[in-house]
Amino acid sequence: MRQVTGIVAALAAIATLMAGVAPSRIAAQTAKEKPKPPYFASIGAGKARMRSGPGRTFPATWLYVRADLPVRVIDVFKEWRKVEDPGGVQGWMLGNLIASTRTAVVQGSILELRDRPAFGARILWRAEPGVVGRVSQCARGWCRFDVKGQAGFAEASRLWGVAADETLP
């Protein structure tokens, strides 16, 4: 019986310590998950409705069926996000349809993906306008652009979904 009491006391102490840590960790995650607009994000759902206003009673203006499409969040109202798509269309989406995953879409002409972030670097792949991929490692006007495992470095100015001067890990 003494052993059981000791184990229960130890578990209670651990739970108390974890409860003290958890709120600060949750607060840090919440602050990290809620950047101030404007910021880039992506559509996280396979189907997402854009509405003319921040509520389900507002008419749907678009139905997106392309997960990972980059969007720019330009305003927030409760659980709703006012977004702009790569074509410049603006409207409201539920916040849970928006993901923090950073993606971008190729603009203009065919984009050359290189083995390192430099104009003289070897070309690994080419991507047509409209191709969507994930972006990372952005610095000095270049980003690593990954399209379903085919990755290389691209000029950030040729991608919609990342600012030309933005730095990403």
N, C-alpha and C. Protein backbone atom coordinates (compact mmCIF):
# COMPACT_ATOMS: atom_id res chain seq x y z
N MET A 1 0.82 -1.19 0.00
CA MET A 1 0.00 0.00 0.00
C MET A 1 0.87 1.25 0.00
N ARG A 2 2.00 1.20 0.74
CA ARG A 2 2.89 2.36 0.78
C ARG A 2 3.47 2.65 -0.59
N GLN A 3 3.79 1.59 -1.34
CA GLN A 3 4.35 1.78 -2.68
C GLN A 3 3.34 2.47 -3.59
N VAL A 4 2.10 2.07 -3.53
CA VAL A 4 1.04 2.65 -4.37
C VAL A 4 0.89 4.13 -4.02
N THR A 5 0.90 4.47 -2.74
CA THR A 5 0.79 5.86 -2.31
C THR A 5 1.96 6.67 -2.82
N GLY A 6 3.17 6.10 -2.77
CA GLY A 6 4.36 6.79 -3.26
C GLY A 6 4.30 7.02 -4.76
N ILE A 7 3.82 6.03 -5.50
CA ILE A 7 3.70 6.16 -6.95
C ILE A 7 2.66 7.22 -7.31
N VAL A 8 1.54 7.21 -6.61
CA VAL A 8 0.49 8.21 -6.86
C VAL A 8 1.02 9.60 -6.56
N ALA A 9 1.77 9.75 -5.47
CA ALA A 9 2.34 11.06 -5.11
C ALA A 9 3.33 11.52 -6.17
N ALA A 10 4.15 10.60 -6.68
CA ALA A 10 5.11 10.95 -7.72
C ALA A 10 4.40 11.37 -9.00
N LEU A 11 3.37 10.63 -9.38
CA LEU A 11 2.60 10.99 -10.58
C LEU A 11 1.91 12.34 -10.42
N ALA A 12 1.41 12.61 -9.23
CA ALA A 12 0.76 13.90 -8.96
C ALA A 12 1.78 15.03 -9.08
N ALA A 13 3.00 14.81 -8.58
CA ALA A 13 4.05 15.83 -8.67
C ALA A 13 4.43 16.09 -10.13
N ILE A 14 4.55 15.02 -10.90
CA ILE A 14 4.88 15.18 -12.32
C ILE A 14 3.77 15.92 -13.04
N ALA A 15 2.52 15.57 -12.77
CA ALA A 15 1.38 16.23 -13.40
C ALA A 15 1.35 17.71 -13.05
N THR A 16 1.66 18.04 -11.79
CA THR A 16 1.69 19.43 -11.37
C THR A 16 2.77 20.20 -12.12
N LEU A 17 3.95 19.60 -12.26
CA LEU A 17 5.02 20.25 -13.00
C LEU A 17 4.65 20.45 -14.46
N MET A 18 4.05 19.42 -15.05
CA MET A 18 3.66 19.52 -16.46
C MET A 18 2.57 20.56 -16.65
N ALA A 19 1.66 20.67 -15.70
CA ALA A 19 0.59 21.66 -15.79
C ALA A 19 1.17 23.08 -15.75
N GLY A 20 2.24 23.26 -14.99
CA GLY A 20 2.90 24.57 -14.93
C GLY A 20 3.61 24.91 -16.22
N VAL A 21 4.11 23.91 -16.93
CA VAL A 21 4.83 24.14 -18.18
C VAL A 21 3.86 24.28 -19.34
N ALA A 22 2.81 23.50 -19.35
CA ALA A 22 1.90 23.44 -20.48
C ALA A 22 1.28 24.79 -20.85
N PRO A 23 0.76 25.58 -19.89
CA PRO A 23 0.14 26.84 -20.30
C PRO A 23 1.10 27.77 -21.03
N SER A 24 2.35 27.85 -20.57
CA SER A 24 3.30 28.73 -21.26
C SER A 24 3.63 28.18 -22.64
N ARG A 25 3.72 26.86 -22.76
CA ARG A 25 3.99 26.25 -24.06
C ARG A 25 2.81 26.48 -25.00
N ILE A 26 1.59 26.34 -24.47
CA ILE A 26 0.39 26.57 -25.28
C ILE A 26 0.33 28.03 -25.71
N ALA A 27 0.64 28.95 -24.80
CA ALA A 27 0.62 30.36 -25.15
C ALA A 27 1.64 30.67 -26.24
N ALA A 28 2.82 30.05 -26.16
CA ALA A 28 3.84 30.26 -27.18
C ALA A 28 3.38 29.71 -28.52
N GLN A 29 2.74 28.54 -28.52
CA GLN A 29 2.25 27.96 -29.77
C GLN A 29 1.13 28.82 -30.35
N THR A 30 0.23 29.32 -29.48
CA THR A 30 -0.87 30.14 -29.96
C THR A 30 -0.34 31.42 -30.58
N ALA A 31 0.65 32.04 -29.94
CA ALA A 31 1.23 33.26 -30.48
C ALA A 31 1.93 32.97 -31.80
N LYS A 32 2.57 31.81 -31.89
CA LYS A 32 3.28 31.44 -33.10
C LYS A 32 2.31 31.15 -34.24
N GLU A 33 1.14 30.57 -33.92
CA GLU A 33 0.16 30.20 -34.93
C GLU A 33 -0.66 31.38 -35.42
N LYS A 34 -0.63 32.52 -34.74
CA LYS A 34 -1.45 33.65 -35.11
C LYS A 34 -0.59 34.86 -35.50
N PRO A 35 0.05 34.80 -36.67
CA PRO A 35 0.81 35.98 -37.10
C PRO A 35 -0.15 37.11 -37.47
N LYS A 36 0.35 38.32 -37.46
CA LYS A 36 -0.48 39.46 -37.82
C LYS A 36 -0.50 39.62 -39.33
N PRO A 37 -1.68 39.89 -39.89
CA PRO A 37 -1.78 40.09 -41.34
C PRO A 37 -1.01 41.33 -41.77
N PRO A 38 -0.55 41.38 -42.99
CA PRO A 38 -0.65 40.35 -44.01
C PRO A 38 0.45 39.31 -43.86
N TYR A 39 0.13 38.06 -44.20
CA TYR A 39 1.12 36.99 -44.21
C TYR A 39 0.67 35.93 -45.20
N PHE A 40 1.64 35.15 -45.68
CA PHE A 40 1.33 34.08 -46.62
C PHE A 40 1.03 32.79 -45.88
N ALA A 41 0.11 32.02 -46.43
CA ALA A 41 -0.27 30.70 -45.91
C ALA A 41 -0.68 29.87 -47.11
N SER A 42 -1.43 28.81 -46.88
CA SER A 42 -1.93 28.00 -47.99
C SER A 42 -3.28 27.41 -47.64
N ILE A 43 -3.99 26.94 -48.65
CA ILE A 43 -5.27 26.28 -48.41
C ILE A 43 -4.95 24.87 -47.94
N GLY A 44 -5.45 24.51 -46.78
CA GLY A 44 -5.13 23.22 -46.19
C GLY A 44 -6.12 22.12 -46.50
N ALA A 45 -7.25 22.47 -47.09
CA ALA A 45 -8.29 21.48 -47.35
C ALA A 45 -8.39 21.19 -48.85
N GLY A 46 -8.88 20.01 -49.17
CA GLY A 46 -9.08 19.64 -50.57
C GLY A 46 -10.19 20.44 -51.23
N LYS A 47 -11.15 20.89 -50.43
CA LYS A 47 -12.23 21.76 -50.90
C LYS A 47 -12.38 22.89 -49.90
N ALA A 48 -12.36 24.12 -50.38
CA ALA A 48 -12.48 25.28 -49.50
C ALA A 48 -13.34 26.34 -50.19
N ARG A 49 -14.35 26.82 -49.50
CA ARG A 49 -15.21 27.87 -50.05
C ARG A 49 -14.71 29.24 -49.63
N MET A 50 -14.68 30.13 -50.61
CA MET A 50 -14.41 31.54 -50.33
C MET A 50 -15.78 32.22 -50.32
N ARG A 51 -16.01 33.06 -49.32
CA ARG A 51 -17.29 33.74 -49.18
C ARG A 51 -17.12 35.25 -49.30
N SER A 52 -18.21 35.92 -49.56
CA SER A 52 -18.16 37.37 -49.72
C SER A 52 -18.05 38.11 -48.39
N GLY A 53 -18.27 37.42 -47.30
CA GLY A 53 -18.16 38.02 -45.97
C GLY A 53 -17.78 36.98 -44.94
N PRO A 54 -17.47 37.42 -43.71
CA PRO A 54 -17.02 36.50 -42.66
C PRO A 54 -18.15 35.80 -41.93
N GLY A 55 -18.79 34.86 -42.60
CA GLY A 55 -19.86 34.09 -41.98
C GLY A 55 -20.45 33.12 -42.99
N ARG A 56 -21.05 32.05 -42.46
CA ARG A 56 -21.64 31.03 -43.34
C ARG A 56 -22.88 31.54 -44.07
N THR A 57 -23.47 32.63 -43.59
CA THR A 57 -24.65 33.18 -44.26
C THR A 57 -24.29 34.00 -45.50
N PHE A 58 -23.03 34.37 -45.64
CA PHE A 58 -22.61 35.11 -46.83
C PHE A 58 -22.47 34.13 -48.00
N PRO A 59 -22.82 34.57 -49.20
CA PRO A 59 -22.75 33.65 -50.35
C PRO A 59 -21.32 33.24 -50.68
N ALA A 60 -21.18 32.00 -51.13
CA ALA A 60 -19.88 31.51 -51.58
C ALA A 60 -19.60 32.12 -52.95
N THR A 61 -18.39 32.62 -53.12
CA THR A 61 -18.00 33.22 -54.40
C THR A 61 -17.09 32.30 -55.20
N TRP A 62 -16.34 31.45 -54.52
CA TRP A 62 -15.43 30.50 -55.17
C TRP A 62 -15.39 29.21 -54.38
N LEU A 63 -15.17 28.11 -55.09
CA LEU A 63 -14.90 26.83 -54.45
C LEU A 63 -13.52 26.40 -54.93
N TYR A 64 -12.57 26.34 -54.03
CA TYR A 64 -11.21 25.92 -54.36
C TYR A 64 -11.10 24.42 -54.14
N VAL A 65 -10.57 23.71 -55.10
CA VAL A 65 -10.38 22.27 -55.00
C VAL A 65 -8.91 21.92 -55.19
N ARG A 66 -8.06 22.80 -54.77
CA ARG A 66 -6.61 22.64 -54.92
C ARG A 66 -5.93 22.89 -53.58
N ALA A 67 -5.75 21.84 -52.81
CA ALA A 67 -5.04 21.98 -51.53
C ALA A 67 -3.63 22.46 -51.80
N ASP A 68 -3.07 23.19 -50.88
CA ASP A 68 -1.73 23.76 -50.93
C ASP A 68 -1.62 25.01 -51.78
N LEU A 69 -2.71 25.48 -52.38
CA LEU A 69 -2.64 26.72 -53.15
C LEU A 69 -2.26 27.84 -52.19
N PRO A 70 -1.25 28.65 -52.53
CA PRO A 70 -0.86 29.72 -51.62
C PRO A 70 -1.92 30.83 -51.59
N VAL A 71 -2.08 31.43 -50.43
CA VAL A 71 -2.95 32.58 -50.25
C VAL A 71 -2.24 33.58 -49.35
N ARG A 72 -2.67 34.84 -49.47
CA ARG A 72 -2.15 35.87 -48.56
C ARG A 72 -3.31 36.23 -47.63
N VAL A 73 -3.10 36.06 -46.33
CA VAL A 73 -4.11 36.45 -45.34
C VAL A 73 -3.96 37.94 -45.12
N ILE A 74 -5.03 38.67 -45.39
CA ILE A 74 -4.95 40.14 -45.30
C ILE A 74 -5.78 40.72 -44.15
N ASP A 75 -6.66 39.91 -43.56
CA ASP A 75 -7.44 40.39 -42.42
C ASP A 75 -7.96 39.19 -41.63
N VAL A 76 -8.32 39.44 -40.38
CA VAL A 76 -8.83 38.39 -39.49
C VAL A 76 -10.07 38.94 -38.79
N PHE A 77 -11.11 38.12 -38.74
CA PHE A 77 -12.31 38.45 -37.97
C PHE A 77 -12.79 37.17 -37.31
N LYS A 78 -12.62 37.08 -36.00
CA LYS A 78 -12.95 35.88 -35.23
C LYS A 78 -12.29 34.66 -35.87
N GLU A 79 -13.07 33.64 -36.27
CA GLU A 79 -12.46 32.44 -36.86
C GLU A 79 -12.33 32.54 -38.38
N TRP A 80 -12.61 33.70 -38.95
CA TRP A 80 -12.57 33.91 -40.40
C TRP A 80 -11.30 34.63 -40.81
N ARG A 81 -10.82 34.31 -42.01
CA ARG A 81 -9.63 34.96 -42.57
C ARG A 81 -9.98 35.54 -43.93
N LYS A 82 -9.68 36.82 -44.14
CA LYS A 82 -9.84 37.41 -45.46
C LYS A 82 -8.56 37.11 -46.22
N VAL A 83 -8.70 36.44 -47.35
CA VAL A 83 -7.53 35.99 -48.10
C VAL A 83 -7.56 36.54 -49.52
N GLU A 84 -6.39 36.55 -50.11
CA GLU A 84 -6.22 36.89 -51.52
C GLU A 84 -5.52 35.72 -52.19
N ASP A 85 -6.04 35.28 -53.34
CA ASP A 85 -5.42 34.17 -54.05
C ASP A 85 -4.41 34.70 -55.07
N PRO A 86 -3.66 33.83 -55.74
CA PRO A 86 -2.64 34.29 -56.70
C PRO A 86 -3.19 35.13 -57.85
N GLY A 87 -4.48 35.00 -58.14
CA GLY A 87 -5.10 35.78 -59.20
C GLY A 87 -5.61 37.14 -58.74
N GLY A 88 -5.46 37.43 -57.44
CA GLY A 88 -5.90 38.70 -56.89
C GLY A 88 -7.32 38.70 -56.35
N VAL A 89 -8.00 37.55 -56.41
CA VAL A 89 -9.37 37.44 -55.89
C VAL A 89 -9.33 37.45 -54.36
N GLN A 90 -10.20 38.25 -53.76
CA GLN A 90 -10.25 38.35 -52.31
C GLN A 90 -11.60 37.88 -51.79
N GLY A 91 -11.58 37.29 -50.61
CA GLY A 91 -12.80 36.84 -49.95
C GLY A 91 -12.46 36.25 -48.60
N TRP A 92 -13.46 35.69 -47.95
CA TRP A 92 -13.32 35.18 -46.59
C TRP A 92 -13.38 33.66 -46.57
N MET A 93 -12.50 33.04 -45.76
CA MET A 93 -12.50 31.59 -45.55
C MET A 93 -12.42 31.31 -44.06
N LEU A 94 -12.99 30.19 -43.67
CA LEU A 94 -12.84 29.76 -42.28
C LEU A 94 -11.37 29.53 -41.99
N GLY A 95 -10.92 29.94 -40.82
CA GLY A 95 -9.52 29.81 -40.46
C GLY A 95 -9.02 28.38 -40.45
N ASN A 96 -9.89 27.40 -40.15
CA ASN A 96 -9.43 26.02 -40.11
C ASN A 96 -9.20 25.44 -41.51
N LEU A 97 -9.54 26.18 -42.57
CA LEU A 97 -9.24 25.76 -43.94
C LEU A 97 -7.89 26.27 -44.40
N ILE A 98 -7.29 27.16 -43.60
CA ILE A 98 -6.01 27.77 -43.94
C ILE A 98 -4.91 27.07 -43.15
N ALA A 99 -3.83 26.69 -43.84
CA ALA A 99 -2.70 26.01 -43.20
C ALA A 99 -1.50 26.96 -43.16
N SER A 100 -0.64 26.75 -42.19
CA SER A 100 0.58 27.57 -42.09
C SER A 100 1.68 27.08 -43.04
N THR A 101 1.45 25.97 -43.72
CA THR A 101 2.42 25.43 -44.68
C THR A 101 2.70 26.47 -45.75
N ARG A 102 3.97 26.75 -45.98
CA ARG A 102 4.34 27.75 -46.98
C ARG A 102 4.48 27.11 -48.35
N THR A 103 3.66 27.58 -49.25
CA THR A 103 3.70 27.12 -50.63
C THR A 103 3.78 28.34 -51.53
N ALA A 104 4.07 28.10 -52.80
CA ALA A 104 4.12 29.18 -53.78
C ALA A 104 3.72 28.62 -55.13
N VAL A 105 3.38 29.50 -56.04
CA VAL A 105 3.00 29.11 -57.40
C VAL A 105 3.91 29.86 -58.38
N VAL A 106 4.32 29.16 -59.42
CA VAL A 106 5.21 29.74 -60.43
C VAL A 106 4.44 30.78 -61.23
N GLN A 107 5.06 31.95 -61.44
CA GLN A 107 4.48 33.03 -62.22
C GLN A 107 5.30 33.27 -63.48
N GLY A 108 4.66 33.82 -64.49
CA GLY A 108 5.38 34.23 -65.69
C GLY A 108 5.65 33.08 -66.63
N SER A 109 6.92 32.90 -66.97
CA SER A 109 7.33 31.84 -67.91
C SER A 109 7.89 30.65 -67.15
N ILE A 110 8.43 29.69 -67.87
CA ILE A 110 9.00 28.48 -67.26
C ILE A 110 10.11 28.87 -66.27
N LEU A 111 10.06 28.27 -65.11
CA LEU A 111 11.00 28.55 -64.03
C LEU A 111 12.06 27.47 -63.96
N GLU A 112 13.32 27.87 -63.89
CA GLU A 112 14.42 26.92 -63.77
C GLU A 112 14.77 26.73 -62.31
N LEU A 113 14.79 25.47 -61.88
CA LEU A 113 15.17 25.12 -60.51
C LEU A 113 16.62 24.67 -60.53
N ARG A 114 17.44 25.29 -59.72
CA ARG A 114 18.89 25.08 -59.76
C ARG A 114 19.39 24.32 -58.54
N ASP A 115 20.60 23.79 -58.65
CA ASP A 115 21.15 22.99 -57.55
C ASP A 115 21.66 23.83 -56.38
N ARG A 116 21.83 25.11 -56.59
CA ARG A 116 22.20 26.03 -55.51
C ARG A 116 21.64 27.41 -55.85
N PRO A 117 21.55 28.31 -54.90
CA PRO A 117 20.92 29.61 -55.14
C PRO A 117 21.85 30.59 -55.86
N ALA A 118 22.03 30.38 -57.16
CA ALA A 118 22.87 31.25 -57.98
C ALA A 118 22.46 31.11 -59.44
N PHE A 119 22.56 32.19 -60.20
CA PHE A 119 22.17 32.14 -61.61
C PHE A 119 23.03 31.20 -62.44
N GLY A 120 24.30 31.05 -62.10
CA GLY A 120 25.19 30.17 -62.86
C GLY A 120 25.12 28.71 -62.45
N ALA A 121 24.29 28.40 -61.47
CA ALA A 121 24.21 27.02 -60.96
C ALA A 121 23.54 26.10 -61.99
N ARG A 122 23.84 24.82 -61.85
CA ARG A 122 23.30 23.81 -62.77
C ARG A 122 21.78 23.73 -62.64
N ILE A 123 21.09 23.62 -63.76
CA ILE A 123 19.63 23.50 -63.79
C ILE A 123 19.27 22.04 -63.54
N LEU A 124 18.42 21.82 -62.52
CA LEU A 124 17.98 20.47 -62.18
C LEU A 124 16.62 20.15 -62.80
N TRP A 125 15.71 21.10 -62.73
CA TRP A 125 14.34 20.89 -63.17
C TRP A 125 13.80 22.18 -63.77
N ARG A 126 12.68 22.07 -64.44
CA ARG A 126 11.95 23.23 -64.93
C ARG A 126 10.49 23.07 -64.51
N ALA A 127 9.87 24.19 -64.16
CA ALA A 127 8.46 24.17 -63.74
C ALA A 127 7.69 25.21 -64.55
N GLU A 128 6.53 24.81 -65.02
CA GLU A 128 5.68 25.69 -65.81
C GLU A 128 4.90 26.65 -64.92
N PRO A 129 4.43 27.76 -65.49
CA PRO A 129 3.57 28.67 -64.73
C PRO A 129 2.34 27.92 -64.21
N GLY A 130 1.96 28.21 -62.97
CA GLY A 130 0.82 27.56 -62.35
C GLY A 130 1.18 26.38 -61.48
N VAL A 131 2.43 25.90 -61.57
CA VAL A 131 2.85 24.78 -60.73
C VAL A 131 2.98 25.26 -59.28
N VAL A 132 2.44 24.47 -58.36
CA VAL A 132 2.48 24.79 -56.93
C VAL A 132 3.48 23.88 -56.24
N GLY A 133 4.30 24.45 -55.37
CA GLY A 133 5.26 23.67 -54.59
C GLY A 133 5.46 24.29 -53.22
N ARG A 134 6.19 23.59 -52.39
CA ARG A 134 6.49 24.09 -51.04
C ARG A 134 7.78 24.90 -51.07
N VAL A 135 7.81 25.96 -50.30
CA VAL A 135 8.99 26.82 -50.25
C VAL A 135 9.64 26.75 -48.87
N SER A 136 10.97 26.83 -48.87
CA SER A 136 11.75 26.86 -47.64
C SER A 136 13.11 27.45 -47.97
N GLN A 137 13.92 27.63 -46.99
CA GLN A 137 15.30 28.10 -47.14
C GLN A 137 15.39 29.34 -48.03
N CYS A 138 14.53 30.33 -47.78
CA CYS A 138 14.56 31.55 -48.57
C CYS A 138 15.56 32.54 -47.98
N ALA A 139 16.40 33.09 -48.84
CA ALA A 139 17.36 34.11 -48.43
C ALA A 139 17.94 34.75 -49.68
N ARG A 140 18.20 36.04 -49.59
CA ARG A 140 18.86 36.79 -50.66
C ARG A 140 18.21 36.58 -52.03
N GLY A 141 16.86 36.54 -52.06
CA GLY A 141 16.15 36.46 -53.31
C GLY A 141 15.99 35.08 -53.92
N TRP A 142 16.37 34.03 -53.18
CA TRP A 142 16.24 32.65 -53.66
C TRP A 142 15.49 31.82 -52.63
N CYS A 143 14.73 30.83 -53.10
CA CYS A 143 14.02 29.90 -52.21
C CYS A 143 14.19 28.49 -52.73
N ARG A 144 14.22 27.55 -51.80
CA ARG A 144 14.16 26.14 -52.19
C ARG A 144 12.71 25.85 -52.50
N PHE A 145 12.45 25.33 -53.68
CA PHE A 145 11.09 25.09 -54.19
C PHE A 145 10.97 23.60 -54.45
N ASP A 146 10.03 22.95 -53.77
CA ASP A 146 9.88 21.50 -53.85
C ASP A 146 8.50 21.15 -54.40
N VAL A 147 8.49 20.48 -55.56
CA VAL A 147 7.25 20.05 -56.19
C VAL A 147 7.21 18.53 -56.13
N LYS A 148 6.56 18.00 -55.11
CA LYS A 148 6.41 16.55 -54.92
C LYS A 148 7.74 15.81 -55.02
N GLY A 149 8.76 16.33 -54.34
CA GLY A 149 10.06 15.66 -54.28
C GLY A 149 11.06 16.14 -55.32
N GLN A 150 10.62 16.87 -56.30
CA GLN A 150 11.53 17.44 -57.31
C GLN A 150 11.86 18.85 -56.84
N ALA A 151 13.03 19.04 -56.28
CA ALA A 151 13.35 20.31 -55.64
C ALA A 151 14.58 20.96 -56.24
N GLY A 152 14.64 22.25 -56.07
CA GLY A 152 15.78 23.04 -56.49
C GLY A 152 15.58 24.47 -56.01
N PHE A 153 16.54 25.33 -56.29
CA PHE A 153 16.45 26.72 -55.88
C PHE A 153 15.89 27.56 -57.01
N ALA A 154 14.94 28.45 -56.65
CA ALA A 154 14.26 29.30 -57.62
C ALA A 154 14.35 30.75 -57.17
N GLU A 155 14.28 31.65 -58.15
CA GLU A 155 14.24 33.07 -57.82
C GLU A 155 12.93 33.37 -57.11
N ALA A 156 13.01 33.98 -55.96
CA ALA A 156 11.81 34.27 -55.18
C ALA A 156 10.88 35.23 -55.93
N SER A 157 11.43 36.10 -56.74
CA SER A 157 10.62 37.07 -57.48
C SER A 157 9.72 36.39 -58.52
N ARG A 158 9.99 35.15 -58.87
CA ARG A 158 9.20 34.40 -59.85
C ARG A 158 8.12 33.55 -59.20
N LEU A 159 8.04 33.62 -57.87
CA LEU A 159 7.08 32.81 -57.12
C LEU A 159 6.06 33.71 -56.43
N TRP A 160 4.77 33.37 -56.54
CA TRP A 160 3.74 34.07 -55.76
C TRP A 160 3.49 33.21 -54.53
N GLY A 161 3.72 33.81 -53.37
CA GLY A 161 3.54 33.09 -52.11
C GLY A 161 4.70 33.35 -51.16
N VAL A 162 5.65 34.12 -51.63
CA VAL A 162 6.80 34.50 -50.82
C VAL A 162 7.25 35.88 -51.28
N ALA A 163 7.62 36.73 -50.34
CA ALA A 163 8.13 38.06 -50.71
C ALA A 163 9.57 37.92 -51.20
N ALA A 164 9.93 38.73 -52.18
CA ALA A 164 11.26 38.64 -52.79
C ALA A 164 12.39 38.82 -51.77
N ASP A 165 12.15 39.60 -50.72
CA ASP A 165 13.19 39.85 -49.71
C ASP A 165 12.98 39.05 -48.43
N GLU A 166 12.08 38.09 -48.45
CA GLU A 166 11.75 37.30 -47.26
C GLU A 166 12.82 36.26 -46.95
N THR A 167 13.01 35.99 -45.67
CA THR A 167 13.92 34.95 -45.22
C THR A 167 13.12 33.88 -44.49
N LEU A 168 13.29 32.63 -44.94
CA LEU A 168 12.62 31.49 -44.32
C LEU A 168 13.66 30.45 -43.95
N PRO A 169 13.41 29.73 -42.85
CA PRO A 169 14.36 28.66 -42.49
C PRO A 169 14.28 27.47 -43.43
